């Protein structure tokens, strides 16, 4: 009887203000679960998908989990020909977060599937290689294999993508008192459409330079534990102004977060979720509630709140 594994991969917040496609962090909750077992049939089979309201394809070429698992199988066989005898893998994908939420839903499924395949094969791939495989899943979701969601979902913590070519990621320190509040309004923003908005923009140096300074300040703030500096660094001149109009009530929500004491506030990934940083649990919860109230009063939207620590743990067996 084949061993079936159950892998949880956390939701993530990408960009973190100025760090478009290069900064991301893992949340403690929510997340996705992927069950997996080896199969005698070649390739990847997606047996079932739950929690998606029937919106996701079971075709392993079109489903992000299928793409990630297939890439792990390919990489593993290249590293060790003996692993090619494990010709396939079967997946059950359990969505536990909303689609098109800005919480890295596709990234979590990709990360969980990549880690599941790697575990079943005896862990032939390194964490960096797993991120690369999970990125292949992201390609199916947004058309481009970016790592700002999948890297923290695989590895946990806060991740900096130093370079895509050659590929290099850096795990950044997380101050012990750093907290995050993320509010997801009950509406959707397509990742692919949000990326197209940015792709069609051109920027001058007077816009680009402040973002460069803020990314450097963000990294320095994490290394030094200076949460005041971290909050000032959450200032995005490139992507937030373009995507804000796609999020009903965004300006009111951001103002409410800052008025409630947030260190900084911006769009979570492509949106519509919005995140804010705080220095303790009570403040994070208070700020999150203020953001929820603003979504309700300004846009008539109900919402979900997730607040707490940055998760030190990435995708893992549960």
Protein backbone atom coordinates (compact mmCIF):
# COMPACT_ATOMS: atom_id res chain seq x y z
CA UNK A 1 0.00 0.00 0.00
CA UNK A 2 1.43 3.37 -1.01
CA UNK A 3 2.29 5.84 1.71
CA UNK A 4 0.16 8.97 1.48
CA UNK A 5 1.61 12.21 2.82
CA UNK A 6 -0.30 15.30 3.91
CA UNK A 7 1.56 18.61 3.45
CA UNK A 8 0.52 22.05 4.74
CA UNK A 9 1.94 25.15 3.04
CA UNK A 10 1.31 28.61 4.51
CA UNK A 11 -0.28 31.61 2.88
CA UNK A 12 2.09 34.46 2.13
CA UNK A 13 2.25 38.19 1.67
CA UNK A 14 4.37 39.31 -1.28
CA UNK A 15 5.98 42.63 -2.25
CA UNK A 16 5.70 44.04 1.31
CA UNK A 17 5.43 47.56 -0.05
CA UNK A 18 8.42 48.48 -2.20
CA UNK A 19 9.68 44.96 -2.96
CA UNK A 20 7.72 43.97 -6.07
CA UNK A 21 8.60 40.34 -6.93
CA UNK A 22 11.57 40.34 -4.51
CA UNK A 23 10.12 40.39 -0.95
CA UNK A 24 7.68 38.03 0.73
CA UNK A 25 6.81 36.48 4.08
CA UNK A 26 4.96 33.45 5.41
CA UNK A 27 1.83 33.71 7.55
CA UNK A 28 0.94 31.31 10.36
CA UNK A 29 -2.51 30.87 8.79
CA UNK A 30 -4.32 30.23 6.54
CA UNK A 31 -2.72 27.80 4.07
CA UNK A 32 -3.35 24.95 1.64
CA UNK A 33 -3.04 21.20 2.11
CA UNK A 34 -1.90 18.73 -0.53
CA UNK A 35 -2.04 14.96 -0.05
CA UNK A 36 0.26 12.88 -2.24
CA UNK A 37 1.30 9.31 -2.95
CA UNK A 38 3.56 7.63 -5.49
CA UNK A 39 1.96 6.05 -8.51
CA UNK A 40 2.90 3.43 -11.11
CA UNK A 41 1.45 5.66 -13.82
CA UNK A 42 3.92 8.11 -15.39
CA UNK A 43 3.57 11.81 -14.65
CA UNK A 44 1.24 13.59 -12.27
CA UNK A 45 -2.42 12.80 -11.66
CA UNK A 46 -4.65 15.19 -9.73
CA UNK A 47 -7.27 12.93 -8.18
CA UNK A 48 -9.38 15.65 -6.60
CA UNK A 49 -9.49 19.33 -5.70
CA UNK A 50 -11.65 20.51 -2.81
CA UNK A 51 -12.52 23.95 -1.49
CA UNK A 52 -12.29 25.66 -4.90
CA UNK A 53 -16.01 25.79 -5.74
CA UNK A 54 -15.19 23.87 -8.90
CA UNK A 55 -13.08 26.67 -10.36
CA UNK A 56 -9.71 24.94 -10.66
CA UNK A 57 -8.67 22.53 -13.39
CA UNK A 58 -7.87 18.92 -12.56
CA UNK A 59 -5.56 18.88 -15.58
CA UNK A 60 -2.02 18.62 -14.09
CA UNK A 61 -0.67 20.85 -16.86
CA UNK A 62 -3.04 23.67 -15.97
CA UNK A 63 -3.16 23.19 -12.19
CA UNK A 64 -0.28 24.79 -10.25
CA UNK A 65 0.15 21.77 -7.97
CA UNK A 66 0.55 19.51 -10.99
CA UNK A 67 3.19 21.75 -12.54
CA UNK A 68 5.20 21.94 -9.32
CA UNK A 69 5.10 18.19 -8.66
CA UNK A 70 6.04 17.40 -12.27
CA UNK A 71 9.08 19.64 -12.03
CA UNK A 72 10.20 17.89 -8.83
CA UNK A 73 9.92 14.52 -10.60
CA UNK A 74 11.99 15.85 -13.50
CA UNK A 75 14.70 17.36 -11.31
CA UNK A 76 14.89 14.28 -9.09
CA UNK A 77 15.36 11.94 -12.08
CA UNK A 78 18.12 14.19 -13.43
CA UNK A 79 19.96 14.04 -10.10
CA UNK A 80 19.54 10.29 -9.58
CA UNK A 81 18.49 7.97 -12.41
CA UNK A 82 17.25 5.44 -9.88
CA UNK A 83 14.45 7.82 -8.94
CA UNK A 84 13.03 7.54 -12.46
CA UNK A 85 11.61 4.18 -11.36
CA UNK A 86 9.13 6.22 -9.30
CA UNK A 87 7.28 7.13 -12.46
CA UNK A 88 4.46 9.22 -11.11
CA UNK A 89 2.61 10.88 -8.29
CA UNK A 90 -1.05 11.28 -7.35
CA UNK A 91 -2.27 14.49 -5.71
CA UNK A 92 -5.31 15.58 -3.71
CA UNK A 93 -5.42 19.39 -3.41
CA UNK A 94 -7.39 20.92 -0.54
CA UNK A 95 -7.84 24.69 -0.94
CA UNK A 96 -8.21 26.38 2.44
CA UNK A 97 -7.94 29.98 1.34
CA UNK A 98 -9.83 32.03 -1.23
CA UNK A 99 -8.64 32.27 -4.81
CA UNK A 100 -7.41 35.61 -6.19
CA UNK A 101 -7.03 36.92 -2.64
CA UNK A 102 -3.50 38.32 -2.61
CA UNK A 103 -2.52 35.70 -0.02
CA UNK A 104 -0.45 33.52 -2.32
CA UNK A 105 -3.11 30.85 -2.84
CA UNK A 106 -1.48 29.43 -5.97
CA UNK A 107 1.93 29.70 -4.33
CA UNK A 108 0.81 27.67 -1.32
CA UNK A 109 -0.59 24.89 -3.51
CA UNK A 110 2.61 24.90 -5.59
CA UNK A 111 4.81 24.80 -2.49
CA UNK A 112 2.81 22.01 -0.86
CA UNK A 113 2.89 19.87 -4.01
CA UNK A 114 6.63 20.39 -4.52
CA UNK A 115 7.44 19.48 -0.91
CA UNK A 116 5.09 16.48 -1.03
CA UNK A 117 6.76 15.07 -4.14
CA UNK A 118 10.20 15.65 -2.67
CA UNK A 119 9.28 13.90 0.58
CA UNK A 120 7.91 10.87 -1.25
CA UNK A 121 11.12 10.57 -3.27
CA UNK A 122 13.36 10.72 -0.19
CA UNK A 123 14.20 14.45 -0.29
CA UNK A 124 16.57 14.54 -3.28
CA UNK A 125 16.06 18.28 -3.82
CA UNK A 126 17.39 21.19 -1.76
CA UNK A 127 15.09 23.96 -0.49
CA UNK A 128 16.34 26.21 -3.29
CA UNK A 129 15.49 23.56 -5.89
CA UNK A 130 12.06 23.14 -4.33
CA UNK A 131 11.45 26.86 -4.73
CA UNK A 132 12.40 26.59 -8.41
CA UNK A 133 9.95 23.70 -8.85
CA UNK A 134 7.20 25.60 -7.05
CA UNK A 135 7.85 28.55 -9.35
CA UNK A 136 6.90 26.32 -12.27
CA UNK A 137 3.52 25.96 -10.62
CA UNK A 138 3.24 29.74 -10.39
CA UNK A 139 3.87 29.96 -14.11
CA UNK A 140 0.51 28.26 -14.66
CA UNK A 141 -1.26 30.81 -12.43
CA UNK A 142 0.19 34.11 -13.60
CA UNK A 143 2.21 33.38 -16.71
CA UNK A 144 5.52 34.21 -15.03
CA UNK A 145 7.53 32.08 -12.56
CA UNK A 146 8.08 34.57 -9.72
CA UNK A 147 9.31 33.52 -6.27
CA UNK A 148 8.08 36.14 -3.80
CA UNK A 149 5.16 33.91 -2.73
CA UNK A 150 6.53 30.39 -3.21
CA UNK A 151 9.89 31.00 -1.54
CA UNK A 152 8.45 31.93 1.89
CA UNK A 153 5.73 29.28 1.50
CA UNK A 154 8.42 26.63 1.01
CA UNK A 155 10.95 27.98 3.51
CA UNK A 156 9.03 30.14 5.99
CA UNK A 157 10.14 33.51 7.37
CA UNK A 158 10.86 36.59 5.28
CA UNK A 159 12.59 36.04 1.96
CA UNK A 160 14.49 38.37 -0.36
CA UNK A 161 14.91 37.33 -3.98
CA UNK A 162 18.34 38.81 -4.71
CA UNK A 163 18.37 37.73 -8.33
CA UNK A 164 16.31 35.70 -10.78
CA UNK A 165 19.21 35.16 -13.20
CA UNK A 166 21.20 33.61 -11.66
CA UNK A 167 18.58 32.60 -9.12
CA UNK A 168 19.43 33.46 -5.53
CA UNK A 169 17.23 33.97 -2.47
CA UNK A 170 18.17 35.17 1.00
CA UNK A 171 16.40 34.41 4.28
CA UNK A 172 16.14 37.62 6.27
CA UNK A 173 16.01 37.92 10.08
CA UNK A 174 12.59 38.44 11.65
CA UNK A 175 12.46 40.73 14.72
CA UNK A 176 10.88 38.89 17.64
CA UNK A 177 8.28 41.60 18.25
CA UNK A 178 7.20 42.04 14.62
CA UNK A 179 3.53 41.28 14.02
CA UNK A 180 1.36 41.45 10.91
CA UNK A 181 -2.34 41.97 10.30
CA UNK A 182 -3.81 40.93 6.95
CA UNK A 183 -7.40 41.69 5.98
CA UNK A 184 -8.99 39.93 3.02
CA UNK A 185 -12.13 41.67 1.72
CA UNK A 186 -14.72 39.45 0.05
CA UNK A 187 -13.85 40.39 -3.51
CA UNK A 188 -11.28 39.20 -6.04
CA UNK A 189 -8.35 40.59 -8.01
CA UNK A 190 -6.87 38.46 -10.79
CA UNK A 191 -3.11 38.01 -10.39
CA UNK A 192 -2.59 37.88 -14.15
CA UNK A 193 -4.60 41.07 -14.69
CA UNK A 194 -2.82 42.84 -11.82
CA UNK A 195 0.55 41.95 -13.32
CA UNK A 196 -0.57 43.24 -16.72
CA UNK A 197 -1.38 46.62 -15.14
CA UNK A 198 2.20 46.90 -13.89
CA UNK A 199 3.75 45.53 -17.07
CA UNK A 200 2.12 48.28 -19.10
CA UNK A 201 3.63 51.03 -16.93
CA UNK A 202 6.85 52.95 -17.42
CA UNK A 203 8.62 54.78 -14.61
CA UNK A 204 11.16 57.57 -14.28
CA UNK A 205 14.15 57.58 -11.96
CA UNK A 206 12.36 59.96 -9.62
CA UNK A 207 9.87 57.13 -8.94
CA UNK A 208 12.29 54.21 -9.03
CA UNK A 209 14.96 55.61 -6.70
CA UNK A 210 12.68 55.97 -3.62
CA UNK A 211 11.69 52.29 -3.94
CA UNK A 212 15.35 51.25 -4.09
CA UNK A 213 16.03 53.17 -0.90
CA UNK A 214 13.00 51.68 0.82
CA UNK A 215 13.97 48.10 -0.03
CA UNK A 216 17.44 48.69 1.42
CA UNK A 217 15.90 50.32 4.50
CA UNK A 218 13.49 47.40 4.93
CA UNK A 219 16.34 44.89 4.97
CA UNK A 220 18.36 47.05 7.36
CA UNK A 221 15.35 47.39 9.66
CA UNK A 222 14.94 43.62 9.88
CA UNK A 223 18.64 43.14 10.61
CA UNK A 224 18.70 45.82 13.30
CA UNK A 225 15.23 45.23 14.73
CA UNK A 226 14.30 48.87 14.07
CA UNK A 227 10.53 48.61 13.58
CA UNK A 228 10.16 52.35 13.12
CA UNK A 229 12.48 52.25 10.13
CA UNK A 230 10.68 49.17 8.85
CA UNK A 231 7.38 51.02 8.94
CA UNK A 232 8.79 54.03 7.08
CA UNK A 233 10.15 51.67 4.42
CA UNK A 234 6.63 50.40 3.58
CA UNK A 235 6.30 53.09 0.93
CA UNK A 236 5.71 51.84 -2.61
CA UNK A 237 5.86 54.39 -5.43
CA UNK A 238 5.67 51.82 -8.26
CA UNK A 239 2.96 49.19 -7.85
CA UNK A 240 0.61 50.40 -5.12
CA UNK A 241 -0.54 53.52 -7.03
CA UNK A 242 -1.37 51.37 -10.06
CA UNK A 243 -3.19 48.58 -8.24
CA UNK A 244 -4.97 50.61 -5.54
CA UNK A 245 -7.87 51.47 -7.85
CA UNK A 246 -8.64 47.74 -8.21
CA UNK A 247 -9.28 47.42 -4.46
CA UNK A 248 -12.56 48.98 -3.30
CA UNK A 249 -11.98 51.29 -0.36
CA UNK A 250 -8.20 50.87 -0.32
CA UNK A 251 -7.35 54.47 0.60
CA UNK A 252 -9.80 54.43 3.51
CA UNK A 253 -8.46 51.09 4.70
CA UNK A 254 -4.84 52.24 4.60
CA UNK A 255 -5.70 55.47 6.42
CA UNK A 256 -7.59 53.49 9.06
CA UNK A 257 -4.62 51.19 9.62
CA UNK A 258 -2.19 54.07 10.04
CA UNK A 259 -4.61 55.95 12.31
CA UNK A 260 -4.87 52.83 14.48
CA UNK A 261 -1.10 52.78 14.93
CA UNK A 262 0.19 50.60 12.08
CA UNK A 263 3.91 50.83 11.45
CA UNK A 264 3.21 50.64 7.72
CA UNK A 265 0.48 49.42 5.40
CA UNK A 266 0.21 48.35 1.76
CA UNK A 267 -1.35 45.87 -0.66
CA UNK A 268 -0.75 42.16 -0.07
CA UNK A 269 0.57 40.80 -3.35
CA UNK A 270 -1.84 41.61 -6.16
CA UNK A 271 -4.62 42.40 -3.68
CA UNK A 272 -7.37 42.76 -2.71
CA UNK A 273 -5.97 41.80 0.71
CA UNK A 274 -4.21 44.58 2.60
CA UNK A 275 -1.52 44.10 5.23
CA UNK A 276 -0.16 46.22 8.06
CA UNK A 277 2.78 45.75 10.41
CA UNK A 278 2.60 46.20 14.20
CA UNK A 279 4.86 45.73 17.21
CA UNK A 280 2.68 43.43 19.35
CA UNK A 281 -0.30 41.09 19.12
CA UNK A 282 -2.84 43.48 20.66
CA UNK A 283 -1.89 46.26 18.26
CA UNK A 284 -2.01 43.94 15.26
CA UNK A 285 -5.50 42.80 16.15
CA UNK A 286 -6.70 46.35 16.79
CA UNK A 287 -5.27 47.55 13.49
CA UNK A 288 -6.82 44.62 11.66
CA UNK A 289 -10.24 45.38 13.13
CA UNK A 290 -9.91 49.02 12.05
CA UNK A 291 -9.10 47.86 8.51
CA UNK A 292 -12.14 45.59 8.51
CA UNK A 293 -14.37 48.44 9.64
CA UNK A 294 -13.00 50.64 6.87
CA UNK A 295 -13.69 48.02 4.20
CA UNK A 296 -17.25 47.75 5.50
CA UNK A 297 -17.94 51.48 5.77
CA UNK A 298 -16.19 52.62 2.59
CA UNK A 299 -16.97 49.73 0.23
CA UNK A 300 -19.66 47.65 1.90
CA UNK A 301 -17.35 44.64 2.01
CA UNK A 302 -17.20 41.96 4.66
CA UNK A 303 -13.71 40.63 5.31
CA UNK A 304 -11.53 38.10 7.10
CA UNK A 305 -8.71 39.02 9.47
CA UNK A 306 -5.48 37.08 10.01
CA UNK A 307 -3.05 38.52 12.53
CA UNK A 308 -0.03 37.34 14.45
CA UNK A 309 3.60 36.46 13.95
CA UNK A 310 5.48 35.82 10.75
CA UNK A 311 5.67 32.04 10.44
CA UNK A 312 9.16 30.62 10.82
CA UNK A 313 7.92 27.39 9.25
CA UNK A 314 7.28 26.78 5.58
CA UNK A 315 5.64 23.80 3.90
CA UNK A 316 5.78 20.67 6.04
CA UNK A 317 4.29 17.27 6.76
CA UNK A 318 1.23 17.43 9.03
